[in-house]
Amino acid sequence: MSDELPTAARVSDPGIRALYRLENRWQAWRDVEAALAKAQAELDIIPKAAAAAIAKAAHYELLDRARLDEGFARTGHTIVPLVWELSRVTGKEHGGWVHWESRGPSRRAGSGGTRAAPK
């Protein structure tokens, strides 16, 4: 996966171009995952401890870039490997709560939608 979007080539300001770098996109998506977990914890959808663990793990420098690249090559999707990697970094106890039920109530466990709650 390229470290810059094609759009970045049209931007002359180096500060603005930096926004298009892959590491900044990965971090922005991790920030979204951390915010999602926080909101879900506030609504008692996931445990508060899980949200805290997800937020603690949601930092670019903790990512294994090779795993992300391999996941992207395998799926062609950017968010799926991000969720896998964030789950791994979050750890066994709380990693299964990453991106929990974010597809909506019609995708409940047992309906072929999302995974079952971690034990």
N, C-alpha and C. Protein backbone atom coordinates (compact mmCIF):
# COMPACT_ATOMS: atom_id res chain seq x y z
N MET A 1 0.86 -1.17 0.00
CA MET A 1 0.00 0.00 0.00
C MET A 1 0.90 1.23 0.00
N SER A 2 0.58 2.19 -0.82
CA SER A 2 1.37 3.42 -0.91
C SER A 2 1.25 4.23 0.36
N ASP A 3 2.35 4.91 0.72
CA ASP A 3 2.33 5.75 1.91
C ASP A 3 1.63 7.08 1.69
N GLU A 4 1.34 7.44 0.46
CA GLU A 4 0.62 8.68 0.19
C GLU A 4 -0.51 8.41 -0.78
N LEU A 5 -1.59 9.11 -0.58
CA LEU A 5 -2.69 9.06 -1.54
C LEU A 5 -2.31 9.88 -2.76
N PRO A 6 -2.83 9.55 -3.93
CA PRO A 6 -2.53 10.34 -5.13
C PRO A 6 -2.86 11.82 -4.96
N THR A 7 -3.84 12.12 -4.15
CA THR A 7 -4.23 13.51 -3.90
C THR A 7 -3.06 14.31 -3.35
N ALA A 8 -2.21 13.68 -2.55
CA ALA A 8 -1.09 14.38 -1.91
C ALA A 8 -0.15 15.00 -2.93
N ALA A 9 -0.03 14.38 -4.08
CA ALA A 9 0.86 14.91 -5.12
C ALA A 9 0.41 16.27 -5.62
N ARG A 10 -0.85 16.59 -5.45
CA ARG A 10 -1.39 17.87 -5.93
C ARG A 10 -1.30 18.96 -4.88
N VAL A 11 -0.80 18.64 -3.69
CA VAL A 11 -0.73 19.60 -2.60
C VAL A 11 0.72 20.00 -2.41
N SER A 12 1.01 21.30 -2.49
CA SER A 12 2.40 21.74 -2.39
C SER A 12 2.87 21.96 -0.96
N ASP A 13 1.98 22.29 -0.05
CA ASP A 13 2.36 22.56 1.33
C ASP A 13 2.77 21.26 2.03
N PRO A 14 4.01 21.18 2.55
CA PRO A 14 4.46 19.94 3.17
C PRO A 14 3.66 19.55 4.42
N GLY A 15 3.18 20.52 5.16
CA GLY A 15 2.37 20.22 6.34
C GLY A 15 1.05 19.58 5.97
N ILE A 16 0.43 20.10 4.93
CA ILE A 16 -0.84 19.53 4.46
C ILE A 16 -0.58 18.17 3.82
N ARG A 17 0.51 18.04 3.06
CA ARG A 17 0.84 16.75 2.45
C ARG A 17 1.02 15.67 3.50
N ALA A 18 1.57 16.04 4.66
CA ALA A 18 1.80 15.06 5.72
C ALA A 18 0.49 14.42 6.19
N LEU A 19 -0.60 15.17 6.07
CA LEU A 19 -1.89 14.62 6.47
C LEU A 19 -2.28 13.40 5.64
N TYR A 20 -1.74 13.31 4.43
CA TYR A 20 -2.06 12.21 3.53
C TYR A 20 -1.17 10.99 3.74
N ARG A 21 -0.15 11.10 4.56
CA ARG A 21 0.76 9.96 4.78
C ARG A 21 0.01 8.81 5.44
N LEU A 22 0.39 7.62 5.08
CA LEU A 22 -0.29 6.44 5.56
C LEU A 22 -0.29 6.35 7.09
N GLU A 23 0.83 6.67 7.72
CA GLU A 23 0.87 6.58 9.18
C GLU A 23 -0.15 7.51 9.83
N ASN A 24 -0.39 8.67 9.22
CA ASN A 24 -1.39 9.59 9.76
C ASN A 24 -2.81 9.07 9.54
N ARG A 25 -3.03 8.41 8.40
CA ARG A 25 -4.34 7.80 8.17
C ARG A 25 -4.58 6.66 9.15
N TRP A 26 -3.55 5.81 9.36
CA TRP A 26 -3.70 4.71 10.32
C TRP A 26 -4.02 5.26 11.71
N GLN A 27 -3.31 6.32 12.11
CA GLN A 27 -3.55 6.88 13.44
C GLN A 27 -4.94 7.48 13.53
N ALA A 28 -5.39 8.16 12.49
CA ALA A 28 -6.73 8.73 12.50
C ALA A 28 -7.78 7.63 12.65
N TRP A 29 -7.60 6.52 11.95
CA TRP A 29 -8.55 5.41 12.06
C TRP A 29 -8.49 4.79 13.45
N ARG A 30 -7.30 4.71 14.02
CA ARG A 30 -7.18 4.20 15.39
C ARG A 30 -7.88 5.15 16.37
N ASP A 31 -7.75 6.45 16.13
CA ASP A 31 -8.45 7.43 16.97
C ASP A 31 -9.97 7.21 16.91
N VAL A 32 -10.47 6.90 15.71
CA VAL A 32 -11.89 6.63 15.55
C VAL A 32 -12.28 5.37 16.32
N GLU A 33 -11.46 4.32 16.22
CA GLU A 33 -11.75 3.09 16.95
C GLU A 33 -11.76 3.33 18.46
N ALA A 34 -10.82 4.14 18.96
CA ALA A 34 -10.79 4.46 20.39
C ALA A 34 -12.03 5.25 20.79
N ALA A 35 -12.45 6.21 19.95
CA ALA A 35 -13.66 6.99 20.24
C ALA A 35 -14.90 6.11 20.19
N LEU A 36 -14.95 5.18 19.23
CA LEU A 36 -16.07 4.25 19.14
C LEU A 36 -16.15 3.42 20.42
N ALA A 37 -15.02 2.89 20.87
CA ALA A 37 -15.00 2.07 22.09
C ALA A 37 -15.46 2.90 23.30
N LYS A 38 -14.99 4.14 23.39
CA LYS A 38 -15.39 5.00 24.51
C LYS A 38 -16.90 5.22 24.51
N ALA A 39 -17.45 5.53 23.33
CA ALA A 39 -18.90 5.76 23.24
C ALA A 39 -19.67 4.49 23.57
N GLN A 40 -19.19 3.36 23.09
CA GLN A 40 -19.86 2.10 23.38
C GLN A 40 -19.81 1.77 24.87
N ALA A 41 -18.69 2.08 25.52
CA ALA A 41 -18.59 1.85 26.96
C ALA A 41 -19.55 2.75 27.72
N GLU A 42 -19.66 4.00 27.30
CA GLU A 42 -20.59 4.93 27.95
C GLU A 42 -22.04 4.46 27.83
N LEU A 43 -22.34 3.73 26.75
CA LEU A 43 -23.69 3.21 26.53
C LEU A 43 -23.84 1.77 27.06
N ASP A 44 -22.81 1.29 27.76
CA ASP A 44 -22.80 -0.07 28.31
C ASP A 44 -22.93 -1.15 27.24
N ILE A 45 -22.39 -0.88 26.06
CA ILE A 45 -22.36 -1.88 24.99
C ILE A 45 -21.13 -2.77 25.15
N ILE A 46 -20.03 -2.18 25.56
CA ILE A 46 -18.81 -2.94 25.86
C ILE A 46 -18.34 -2.55 27.26
N PRO A 47 -17.53 -3.39 27.88
CA PRO A 47 -17.01 -3.04 29.22
C PRO A 47 -16.11 -1.81 29.18
N LYS A 48 -16.17 -1.02 30.23
CA LYS A 48 -15.33 0.17 30.32
C LYS A 48 -13.84 -0.20 30.31
N ALA A 49 -13.49 -1.33 30.90
CA ALA A 49 -12.10 -1.78 30.89
C ALA A 49 -11.64 -2.09 29.47
N ALA A 50 -12.53 -2.61 28.65
CA ALA A 50 -12.20 -2.89 27.26
C ALA A 50 -11.94 -1.59 26.50
N ALA A 51 -12.79 -0.60 26.72
CA ALA A 51 -12.61 0.70 26.06
C ALA A 51 -11.28 1.32 26.46
N ALA A 52 -10.93 1.23 27.73
CA ALA A 52 -9.65 1.78 28.19
C ALA A 52 -8.48 1.04 27.55
N ALA A 53 -8.58 -0.28 27.45
CA ALA A 53 -7.51 -1.06 26.83
C ALA A 53 -7.38 -0.74 25.35
N ILE A 54 -8.50 -0.55 24.67
CA ILE A 54 -8.48 -0.20 23.25
C ILE A 54 -7.83 1.17 23.06
N ALA A 55 -8.21 2.14 23.88
CA ALA A 55 -7.63 3.48 23.78
C ALA A 55 -6.12 3.44 24.04
N LYS A 56 -5.70 2.64 24.99
CA LYS A 56 -4.27 2.52 25.31
C LYS A 56 -3.49 1.90 24.15
N ALA A 57 -4.14 0.98 23.42
CA ALA A 57 -3.48 0.30 22.31
C ALA A 57 -3.56 1.07 21.00
N ALA A 58 -4.36 2.11 20.94
CA ALA A 58 -4.65 2.81 19.68
C ALA A 58 -3.59 3.84 19.33
N HIS A 59 -2.36 3.39 19.20
CA HIS A 59 -1.25 4.28 18.84
C HIS A 59 -0.46 3.66 17.69
N TYR A 60 -0.18 4.47 16.69
CA TYR A 60 0.48 3.99 15.47
C TYR A 60 1.76 3.23 15.75
N GLU A 61 2.56 3.72 16.70
CA GLU A 61 3.85 3.10 16.94
C GLU A 61 3.72 1.67 17.48
N LEU A 62 2.55 1.26 17.92
CA LEU A 62 2.33 -0.10 18.40
C LEU A 62 1.94 -1.06 17.28
N LEU A 63 1.64 -0.51 16.11
CA LEU A 63 1.24 -1.34 14.97
C LEU A 63 2.40 -2.14 14.41
N ASP A 64 2.09 -3.32 13.91
CA ASP A 64 3.05 -4.10 13.14
C ASP A 64 2.72 -3.83 11.67
N ARG A 65 3.52 -2.98 11.06
CA ARG A 65 3.24 -2.54 9.69
C ARG A 65 3.19 -3.71 8.71
N ALA A 66 4.05 -4.72 8.92
CA ALA A 66 4.04 -5.88 8.02
C ALA A 66 2.71 -6.63 8.11
N ARG A 67 2.14 -6.73 9.30
CA ARG A 67 0.84 -7.39 9.45
C ARG A 67 -0.26 -6.60 8.73
N LEU A 68 -0.20 -5.27 8.84
CA LEU A 68 -1.19 -4.44 8.14
C LEU A 68 -1.08 -4.60 6.64
N ASP A 69 0.15 -4.55 6.13
CA ASP A 69 0.36 -4.69 4.68
C ASP A 69 -0.11 -6.06 4.19
N GLU A 70 0.19 -7.11 4.97
CA GLU A 70 -0.23 -8.46 4.59
C GLU A 70 -1.76 -8.56 4.62
N GLY A 71 -2.38 -7.98 5.64
CA GLY A 71 -3.84 -7.99 5.74
C GLY A 71 -4.49 -7.24 4.60
N PHE A 72 -3.90 -6.10 4.23
CA PHE A 72 -4.43 -5.33 3.11
C PHE A 72 -4.28 -6.12 1.81
N ALA A 73 -3.13 -6.76 1.61
CA ALA A 73 -2.91 -7.56 0.39
C ALA A 73 -3.91 -8.71 0.31
N ARG A 74 -4.24 -9.29 1.46
CA ARG A 74 -5.15 -10.43 1.49
C ARG A 74 -6.60 -10.02 1.31
N THR A 75 -7.00 -8.87 1.89
CA THR A 75 -8.42 -8.49 1.87
C THR A 75 -8.75 -7.38 0.88
N GLY A 76 -7.75 -6.55 0.53
CA GLY A 76 -8.02 -5.39 -0.31
C GLY A 76 -8.78 -4.31 0.45
N HIS A 77 -8.85 -4.44 1.74
CA HIS A 77 -9.60 -3.52 2.59
C HIS A 77 -8.67 -2.93 3.63
N THR A 78 -8.80 -1.64 3.92
CA THR A 78 -7.89 -1.01 4.88
C THR A 78 -8.35 -1.16 6.32
N ILE A 79 -9.64 -1.17 6.57
CA ILE A 79 -10.13 -1.21 7.95
C ILE A 79 -10.03 -2.61 8.55
N VAL A 80 -10.27 -3.65 7.78
CA VAL A 80 -10.22 -5.01 8.30
C VAL A 80 -8.86 -5.32 8.94
N PRO A 81 -7.74 -5.12 8.25
CA PRO A 81 -6.47 -5.40 8.92
C PRO A 81 -6.20 -4.46 10.10
N LEU A 82 -6.71 -3.26 10.04
CA LEU A 82 -6.57 -2.34 11.17
C LEU A 82 -7.28 -2.91 12.40
N VAL A 83 -8.49 -3.42 12.23
CA VAL A 83 -9.24 -4.01 13.34
C VAL A 83 -8.51 -5.25 13.86
N TRP A 84 -8.02 -6.09 12.96
CA TRP A 84 -7.27 -7.28 13.37
C TRP A 84 -6.05 -6.88 14.20
N GLU A 85 -5.31 -5.91 13.70
CA GLU A 85 -4.06 -5.52 14.39
C GLU A 85 -4.36 -4.81 15.71
N LEU A 86 -5.36 -3.95 15.73
CA LEU A 86 -5.72 -3.28 16.97
C LEU A 86 -6.20 -4.31 18.00
N SER A 87 -6.94 -5.30 17.55
CA SER A 87 -7.37 -6.38 18.44
C SER A 87 -6.18 -7.12 19.02
N ARG A 88 -5.19 -7.42 18.18
CA ARG A 88 -3.99 -8.13 18.63
C ARG A 88 -3.24 -7.31 19.67
N VAL A 89 -3.04 -6.01 19.38
CA VAL A 89 -2.28 -5.14 20.27
C VAL A 89 -3.06 -4.91 21.58
N THR A 90 -4.36 -4.85 21.51
CA THR A 90 -5.18 -4.65 22.70
C THR A 90 -5.04 -5.85 23.65
N GLY A 91 -4.87 -7.02 23.10
CA GLY A 91 -4.64 -8.21 23.92
C GLY A 91 -5.84 -9.12 24.02
N LYS A 92 -5.58 -10.34 24.49
CA LYS A 92 -6.62 -11.37 24.54
C LYS A 92 -7.82 -10.98 25.39
N GLU A 93 -7.57 -10.36 26.52
CA GLU A 93 -8.67 -10.07 27.44
C GLU A 93 -9.70 -9.12 26.85
N HIS A 94 -9.24 -8.10 26.11
CA HIS A 94 -10.16 -7.07 25.61
C HIS A 94 -10.16 -6.90 24.09
N GLY A 95 -9.25 -7.56 23.39
CA GLY A 95 -9.13 -7.36 21.95
C GLY A 95 -10.37 -7.71 21.14
N GLY A 96 -11.16 -8.65 21.64
CA GLY A 96 -12.38 -9.03 20.92
C GLY A 96 -13.46 -7.96 20.90
N TRP A 97 -13.29 -6.93 21.70
CA TRP A 97 -14.26 -5.84 21.75
C TRP A 97 -13.99 -4.75 20.71
N VAL A 98 -12.86 -4.80 20.03
CA VAL A 98 -12.52 -3.79 19.02
C VAL A 98 -13.55 -3.83 17.89
N HIS A 99 -14.08 -2.67 17.54
CA HIS A 99 -15.05 -2.51 16.43
C HIS A 99 -16.34 -3.28 16.71
N TRP A 100 -16.66 -3.46 17.99
CA TRP A 100 -17.80 -4.27 18.41
C TRP A 100 -19.12 -3.69 17.95
N GLU A 101 -19.92 -4.50 17.28
CA GLU A 101 -21.29 -4.14 16.89
C GLU A 101 -21.39 -2.80 16.17
N SER A 102 -20.33 -2.37 15.51
CA SER A 102 -20.39 -1.06 14.86
C SER A 102 -21.15 -1.10 13.54
N ARG A 103 -21.57 -2.27 13.13
CA ARG A 103 -22.34 -2.38 11.89
C ARG A 103 -23.83 -2.20 12.12
N GLY A 104 -24.24 -2.11 13.37
CA GLY A 104 -25.65 -1.89 13.66
C GLY A 104 -26.31 -3.12 14.23
N PRO A 105 -27.50 -2.94 14.79
CA PRO A 105 -28.18 -4.02 15.50
C PRO A 105 -28.61 -5.18 14.63
N SER A 106 -28.68 -5.02 13.32
CA SER A 106 -29.11 -6.12 12.46
C SER A 106 -28.00 -7.14 12.26
N ARG A 107 -26.82 -6.86 12.76
CA ARG A 107 -25.67 -7.75 12.58
C ARG A 107 -25.29 -8.42 13.90
N ARG A 108 -26.24 -8.89 14.66
CA ARG A 108 -26.00 -9.51 15.96
C ARG A 108 -25.30 -10.86 15.83
N ALA A 109 -24.60 -11.24 16.88
CA ALA A 109 -23.96 -12.56 16.93
C ALA A 109 -25.02 -13.63 16.70
N GLY A 110 -24.66 -14.64 15.95
CA GLY A 110 -25.59 -15.70 15.64
C GLY A 110 -26.34 -15.45 14.35
N SER A 111 -26.31 -14.23 13.85
CA SER A 111 -27.00 -13.94 12.60
C SER A 111 -26.03 -13.91 11.43
N GLY A 112 -24.80 -14.34 11.69
CA GLY A 112 -23.80 -14.34 10.63
C GLY A 112 -23.10 -13.00 10.52
N GLY A 113 -23.37 -12.07 11.43
CA GLY A 113 -22.82 -10.74 11.34
C GLY A 113 -21.51 -10.56 12.08
N THR A 114 -21.56 -10.48 13.36
CA THR A 114 -20.38 -10.15 14.14
C THR A 114 -20.00 -11.31 15.03
N ARG A 115 -18.83 -11.22 15.62
CA ARG A 115 -18.34 -12.31 16.47
C ARG A 115 -19.04 -12.29 17.83
N ALA A 116 -19.00 -13.41 18.49
CA ALA A 116 -19.59 -13.51 19.83
C ALA A 116 -18.73 -12.79 20.83
N ALA A 117 -19.32 -12.40 21.95
CA ALA A 117 -18.60 -11.69 22.99
C ALA A 117 -17.44 -12.53 23.51
N PRO A 118 -16.29 -11.90 23.72
CA PRO A 118 -15.17 -12.64 24.27
C PRO A 118 -15.47 -13.09 25.69
N LYS A 119 -14.89 -14.22 26.07
CA LYS A 119 -15.10 -14.75 27.43
C LYS A 119 -14.03 -14.27 28.35
